[in-house]
Structures are given as C-alpha cells and as structure tokens.
Amino acid sequence: MQWSLVAVGKLRPPLRAVCDDYLRRLARFATLDEREVREAGRAASERLQREMEGKHLLEAVPRTAQIVLLDVDGERWSSEQLAGQLDAWRLDGRDRALIIGGAVGVAPAVRERAGTVWSLGALTLPHELARVVVVEQLYRASTILRGEPYHKGVR
C-alpha cells in the first residue's frame, strides 16, 4: 500500500520544518509521498481557481489510489478512530491519496472522486496548517496501532 499526500501550495519554512519532522517520524511506519500543486491565485474567480487547482490535484493523484479528501464536511474521527481507519485501509491494501485543497476549497470533480471525506473539525484552518495536522495525526495513529507511548489520550 502506498500513501500520497497531495496538497495545494508550498509550505512556508517554519511549517515545512514541522511537517518534515513528522514525516521523518512517520517513515518508521509508512512512506508518505508528498506532492504539491501550484496555487491558482490569479484566476479570474474563486470558482475558476477551485477548478484549476482541482484539475492539478487530480492529475497528481497516483492512478490506482483511492482518494481521501480533507474537508470540513467530512467524517470527524478521534485519534483512536483514525487509528482504526488507518488499520482498515492498510488491511484492504489499496493505495490512498489524501487531498488538501487550497484557500478557496476544492472543485466538485475532486469531491466526486473522493471515496472518503475526512474532517479535522469545525475550525477553519489555513491549508498549510491542515497539512501539518494531517501528517501529525497519521504519525499519532501509527503509534496508537503499535502501542507506543506518544499518544496520551483522554483519561
């Protein structure tokens, strides 16, 4: 099973450093191929921006990957529930691509292709910060599955 994280935009250096730290930690459990697509900030409208970015996002997804879209309207999981979901995905063996859209959201075409829609919660997060949170949560879920002490949980 191959993991990809496909996101709009580049991370600024401080967030890049944090993301790289979690990617390094996550590498003990799985390889995550990170792919960045260009923001379409000069588009004539937000709709056109979503469509342009959506096209680039879908082009960056590996052909056989099942799409997991990060979106506020998705399923909300605790860290333990995410660990269970991660384990189920590993058992089914299909490649997964996690998609994080840009500042104006994602195109309907991306939403239609998503097999799973995952929400980090009701808060509005900058897409750069959402990427760091996703990578950290994948690492956390992996440590939960291995019974490692990183996750303290609610007691």
C-alpha atoms as a PDB file:
ATOM      1  CA  MET A   1       0.000   0.000   0.000  1.00  0.00           C
ATOM      2  CA  GLN A   2       1.320   3.420  -0.996  1.00  0.00           C
ATOM      3  CA  TRP A   3       0.380   6.701   0.699  1.00  0.00           C
ATOM      4  CA  SER A   4       0.356  10.081  -1.024  1.00  0.00           C
ATOM      5  CA  LEU A   5      -0.434  13.495   0.349  1.00  0.00           C
ATOM      6  CA  VAL A   6      -1.452  15.864  -2.434  1.00  0.00           C
ATOM      7  CA  ALA A   7      -1.832  19.494  -1.424  1.00  0.00           C
ATOM      8  CA  VAL A   8      -2.217  22.929  -2.953  1.00  0.00           C
ATOM      9  CA  GLY A   9       0.716  25.255  -2.330  1.00  0.00           C
ATOM     10  CA  LYS A  10       4.140  25.093  -0.757  1.00  0.00           C
ATOM     11  CA  LEU A  11       4.716  25.225   2.967  1.00  0.00           C
ATOM     12  CA  ARG A  12       6.499  28.242   4.408  1.00  0.00           C
ATOM     13  CA  PRO A  13       9.846  27.326   6.047  1.00  0.00           C
ATOM     14  CA  PRO A  14       8.656  27.130   9.701  1.00  0.00           C
ATOM     15  CA  LEU A  15       5.737  24.842   8.796  1.00  0.00           C
ATOM     16  CA  ARG A  16       7.934  22.902   6.356  1.00  0.00           C
ATOM     17  CA  ALA A  17      10.312  22.115   9.219  1.00  0.00           C
ATOM     18  CA  VAL A  18       7.494  20.849  11.460  1.00  0.00           C
ATOM     19  CA  CYS A  19       5.959  18.802   8.644  1.00  0.00           C
ATOM     20  CA  ASP A  20       9.359  17.297   7.795  1.00  0.00           C
ATOM     21  CA  ASP A  21       9.863  16.318  11.422  1.00  0.00           C
ATOM     22  CA  TYR A  22       6.582  14.376  11.458  1.00  0.00           C
ATOM     23  CA  LEU A  23       7.304  12.865   8.031  1.00  0.00           C
ATOM     24  CA  ARG A  24      10.649  11.638   9.394  1.00  0.00           C
ATOM     25  CA  ARG A  25       8.903  10.093  12.404  1.00  0.00           C
ATOM     26  CA  LEU A  26       6.154   8.586  10.241  1.00  0.00           C
ATOM     27  CA  ALA A  27       8.761   6.929   7.992  1.00  0.00           C
ATOM     28  CA  ARG A  28       9.247   4.257  10.702  1.00  0.00           C
ATOM     29  CA  PHE A  29       5.723   3.046   9.927  1.00  0.00           C
ATOM     30  CA  ALA A  30       4.924   4.034   6.347  1.00  0.00           C
ATOM     31  CA  THR A  31       6.186   6.032   3.410  1.00  0.00           C
ATOM     32  CA  LEU A  32       4.178   9.105   2.543  1.00  0.00           C
ATOM     33  CA  ASP A  33       4.823  10.619  -0.878  1.00  0.00           C
ATOM     34  CA  GLU A  34       4.142  14.341  -0.610  1.00  0.00           C
ATOM     35  CA  ARG A  35       3.079  16.146  -3.780  1.00  0.00           C
ATOM     36  CA  GLU A  36       2.453  19.881  -4.038  1.00  0.00           C
ATOM     37  CA  VAL A  37       0.462  21.553  -6.791  1.00  0.00           C
ATOM     38  CA  ARG A  38       0.596  25.221  -7.645  1.00  0.00           C
ATOM     39  CA  GLU A  39      -1.978  27.623  -6.249  1.00  0.00           C
ATOM     40  CA  ALA A  40      -4.136  29.269  -8.902  1.00  0.00           C
ATOM     41  CA  GLY A  41      -4.375  32.575  -7.047  1.00  0.00           C
ATOM     42  CA  ARG A  42      -4.511  34.701 -10.190  1.00  0.00           C
ATOM     43  CA  ALA A  43      -7.615  33.017 -11.536  1.00  0.00           C
ATOM     44  CA  ALA A  44     -10.470  35.291 -12.627  1.00  0.00           C
ATOM     45  CA  SER A  45     -12.821  33.923  -9.946  1.00  0.00           C
ATOM     46  CA  GLU A  46     -12.832  31.600  -6.938  1.00  0.00           C
ATOM     47  CA  ARG A  47     -14.819  29.045  -8.957  1.00  0.00           C
ATOM     48  CA  LEU A  48     -12.178  29.064 -11.679  1.00  0.00           C
ATOM     49  CA  GLN A  49      -9.440  28.861  -9.036  1.00  0.00           C
ATOM     50  CA  ARG A  50     -11.083  25.773  -7.484  1.00  0.00           C
ATOM     51  CA  GLU A  51     -11.438  24.165 -10.917  1.00  0.00           C
ATOM     52  CA  MET A  52      -7.819  24.852 -11.925  1.00  0.00           C
ATOM     53  CA  GLU A  53      -6.443  23.611  -8.617  1.00  0.00           C
ATOM     54  CA  GLY A  54      -8.796  20.628  -8.698  1.00  0.00           C
ATOM     55  CA  LYS A  55      -7.515  19.624 -12.125  1.00  0.00           C
ATOM     56  CA  HIS A  56      -3.923  19.782 -10.889  1.00  0.00           C
ATOM     57  CA  LEU A  57      -4.766  17.887  -7.698  1.00  0.00           C
ATOM     58  CA  LEU A  58      -6.403  15.037  -9.614  1.00  0.00           C
ATOM     59  CA  GLU A  59      -3.501  14.891 -12.067  1.00  0.00           C
ATOM     60  CA  ALA A  60      -1.108  14.497  -9.125  1.00  0.00           C
ATOM     61  CA  VAL A  61      -3.026  11.571  -7.588  1.00  0.00           C
ATOM     62  CA  PRO A  62      -1.483   8.192  -8.428  1.00  0.00           C
ATOM     63  CA  ARG A  63      -3.681   6.346 -10.901  1.00  0.00           C
ATOM     64  CA  THR A  64      -4.698   3.474  -8.603  1.00  0.00           C
ATOM     65  CA  ALA A  65      -5.107   5.490  -5.389  1.00  0.00           C
ATOM     66  CA  GLN A  66      -8.348   5.837  -3.503  1.00  0.00           C
ATOM     67  CA  ILE A  67      -8.918   9.487  -2.600  1.00  0.00           C
ATOM     68  CA  VAL A  68      -9.370  10.706   0.955  1.00  0.00           C
ATOM     69  CA  LEU A  69     -10.441  14.343   0.800  1.00  0.00           C
ATOM     70  CA  LEU A  70      -9.825  16.646   3.747  1.00  0.00           C
ATOM     71  CA  ASP A  71     -12.922  18.807   4.087  1.00  0.00           C
ATOM     72  CA  VAL A  72     -14.850  20.467   6.902  1.00  0.00           C
ATOM     73  CA  ASP A  73     -17.987  18.498   5.892  1.00  0.00           C
ATOM     74  CA  GLY A  74     -16.291  15.106   6.254  1.00  0.00           C
ATOM     75  CA  GLU A  75     -16.314  12.476   8.959  1.00  0.00           C
ATOM     76  CA  ARG A  76     -14.782  13.543  12.251  1.00  0.00           C
ATOM     77  CA  TRP A  77     -12.639  10.963  13.984  1.00  0.00           C
ATOM     78  CA  SER A  78     -10.856  10.913  17.296  1.00  0.00           C
ATOM     79  CA  SER A  79      -7.202   9.916  17.109  1.00  0.00           C
ATOM     80  CA  GLU A  80      -8.166   6.390  18.182  1.00  0.00           C
ATOM     81  CA  GLN A  81     -10.861   6.217  15.485  1.00  0.00           C
ATOM     82  CA  LEU A  82      -8.357   7.439  12.907  1.00  0.00           C
ATOM     83  CA  ALA A  83      -6.014   4.651  14.008  1.00  0.00           C
ATOM     84  CA  GLY A  84      -8.816   2.160  13.379  1.00  0.00           C
ATOM     85  CA  GLN A  85      -9.485   3.700   9.966  1.00  0.00           C
ATOM     86  CA  LEU A  86      -5.779   3.607   9.134  1.00  0.00           C
ATOM     87  CA  ASP A  87      -5.661  -0.067  10.097  1.00  0.00           C
ATOM     88  CA  ALA A  88      -8.696  -0.819   7.898  1.00  0.00           C
ATOM     89  CA  TRP A  89      -7.083   0.987   4.972  1.00  0.00           C
ATOM     90  CA  ARG A  90      -3.862  -0.967   5.471  1.00  0.00           C
ATOM     91  CA  LEU A  91      -5.776  -4.246   5.554  1.00  0.00           C
ATOM     92  CA  ASP A  92      -7.619  -3.507   2.315  1.00  0.00           C
ATOM     93  CA  GLY A  93      -4.241  -2.831   0.700  1.00  0.00           C
ATOM     94  CA  ARG A  94      -5.340  -0.174  -1.788  1.00  0.00           C
ATOM     95  CA  ASP A  95      -3.193   2.899  -2.303  1.00  0.00           C
ATOM     96  CA  ARG A  96      -4.539   6.068  -0.699  1.00  0.00           C
ATOM     97  CA  ALA A  97      -4.085   9.726  -1.655  1.00  0.00           C
ATOM     98  CA  LEU A  98      -5.015  12.338   0.933  1.00  0.00           C
ATOM     99  CA  ILE A  99      -6.004  15.604  -0.737  1.00  0.00           C
ATOM    100  CA  ILE A 100      -5.842  19.031   0.891  1.00  0.00           C
ATOM    101  CA  GLY A 101      -7.335  21.775  -1.239  1.00  0.00           C
ATOM    102  CA  GLY A 102      -6.395  25.421  -1.320  1.00  0.00           C
ATOM    103  CA  ALA A 103      -7.729  28.516   0.399  1.00  0.00           C
ATOM    104  CA  VAL A 104     -10.992  28.551  -1.589  1.00  0.00           C
ATOM    105  CA  GLY A 105     -11.775  24.847  -1.221  1.00  0.00           C
ATOM    106  CA  VAL A 106     -11.891  22.085  -3.816  1.00  0.00           C
ATOM    107  CA  ALA A 107     -13.664  21.623  -7.120  1.00  0.00           C
ATOM    108  CA  PRO A 108     -16.744  19.407  -7.331  1.00  0.00           C
ATOM    109  CA  ALA A 109     -14.727  16.999  -9.523  1.00  0.00           C
ATOM    110  CA  VAL A 110     -12.362  16.323  -6.613  1.00  0.00           C
ATOM    111  CA  ARG A 111     -15.238  15.833  -4.187  1.00  0.00           C
ATOM    112  CA  GLU A 112     -16.919  13.394  -6.608  1.00  0.00           C
ATOM    113  CA  ARG A 113     -13.765  11.266  -6.867  1.00  0.00           C
ATOM    114  CA  ALA A 114     -13.278  11.027  -3.106  1.00  0.00           C
ATOM    115  CA  GLY A 115     -14.090   7.664  -1.575  1.00  0.00           C
ATOM    116  CA  THR A 116     -13.736   9.109   1.918  1.00  0.00           C
ATOM    117  CA  VAL A 117     -14.110  12.656   3.217  1.00  0.00           C
ATOM    118  CA  TRP A 118     -12.288  13.373   6.480  1.00  0.00           C
ATOM    119  CA  SER A 119     -12.784  16.485   8.603  1.00  0.00           C
ATOM    120  CA  LEU A 120     -10.263  17.797  11.091  1.00  0.00           C
ATOM    121  CA  GLY A 121     -13.161  19.556  12.834  1.00  0.00           C
ATOM    122  CA  ALA A 122     -15.338  22.620  12.540  1.00  0.00           C
ATOM    123  CA  LEU A 123     -12.465  25.085  12.890  1.00  0.00           C
ATOM    124  CA  THR A 124     -11.244  26.860   9.783  1.00  0.00           C
ATOM    125  CA  LEU A 125      -7.561  26.049   9.344  1.00  0.00           C
ATOM    126  CA  PRO A 126      -5.161  27.521   6.805  1.00  0.00           C
ATOM    127  CA  HIS A 127      -4.433  24.747   4.302  1.00  0.00           C
ATOM    128  CA  GLU A 128      -0.740  24.849   5.252  1.00  0.00           C
ATOM    129  CA  LEU A 129      -1.518  24.203   8.902  1.00  0.00           C
ATOM    130  CA  ALA A 130      -4.021  21.487   7.969  1.00  0.00           C
ATOM    131  CA  ARG A 131      -1.208  19.634   6.194  1.00  0.00           C
ATOM    132  CA  VAL A 132       0.939  19.652   9.335  1.00  0.00           C
ATOM    133  CA  VAL A 133      -2.019  18.444  11.414  1.00  0.00           C
ATOM    134  CA  VAL A 134      -2.750  15.610   8.960  1.00  0.00           C
ATOM    135  CA  VAL A 135       0.836  14.350   8.987  1.00  0.00           C
ATOM    136  CA  GLU A 136       0.993  14.583  12.787  1.00  0.00           C
ATOM    137  CA  GLN A 137      -2.293  12.671  13.102  1.00  0.00           C
ATOM    138  CA  LEU A 138      -1.076   9.937  10.739  1.00  0.00           C
ATOM    139  CA  TYR A 139       2.009   9.601  12.917  1.00  0.00           C
ATOM    140  CA  ARG A 140      -0.129   9.587  16.090  1.00  0.00           C
ATOM    141  CA  ALA A 141      -2.481   6.941  14.645  1.00  0.00           C
ATOM    142  CA  SER A 142       0.515   4.797  13.704  1.00  0.00           C
ATOM    143  CA  THR A 143       1.891   4.962  17.245  1.00  0.00           C
ATOM    144  CA  ILE A 144      -1.530   4.052  18.638  1.00  0.00           C
ATOM    145  CA  LEU A 145      -1.617   0.967  16.406  1.00  0.00           C
ATOM    146  CA  ARG A 146       1.859  -0.030  17.607  1.00  0.00           C
ATOM    147  CA  GLY A 147       1.058   0.611  21.261  1.00  0.00           C
ATOM    148  CA  GLU A 148       3.795   3.226  21.527  1.00  0.00           C
ATOM    149  CA  PRO A 149       3.567   5.916  24.248  1.00  0.00           C
ATOM    150  CA  TYR A 150       3.339   9.056  22.031  1.00  0.00           C
ATOM    151  CA  HIS A 151      -0.468   9.304  22.317  1.00  0.00           C
ATOM    152  CA  LYS A 152      -1.637  10.081  25.823  1.00  0.00           C
ATOM    153  CA  GLY A 153      -5.378  10.085  25.048  1.00  0.00           C
ATOM    154  CA  VAL A 154      -8.129  11.269  27.321  1.00  0.00           C
ATOM    155  CA  ARG A 155      -8.151   9.561  30.685  1.00  0.00           C
END
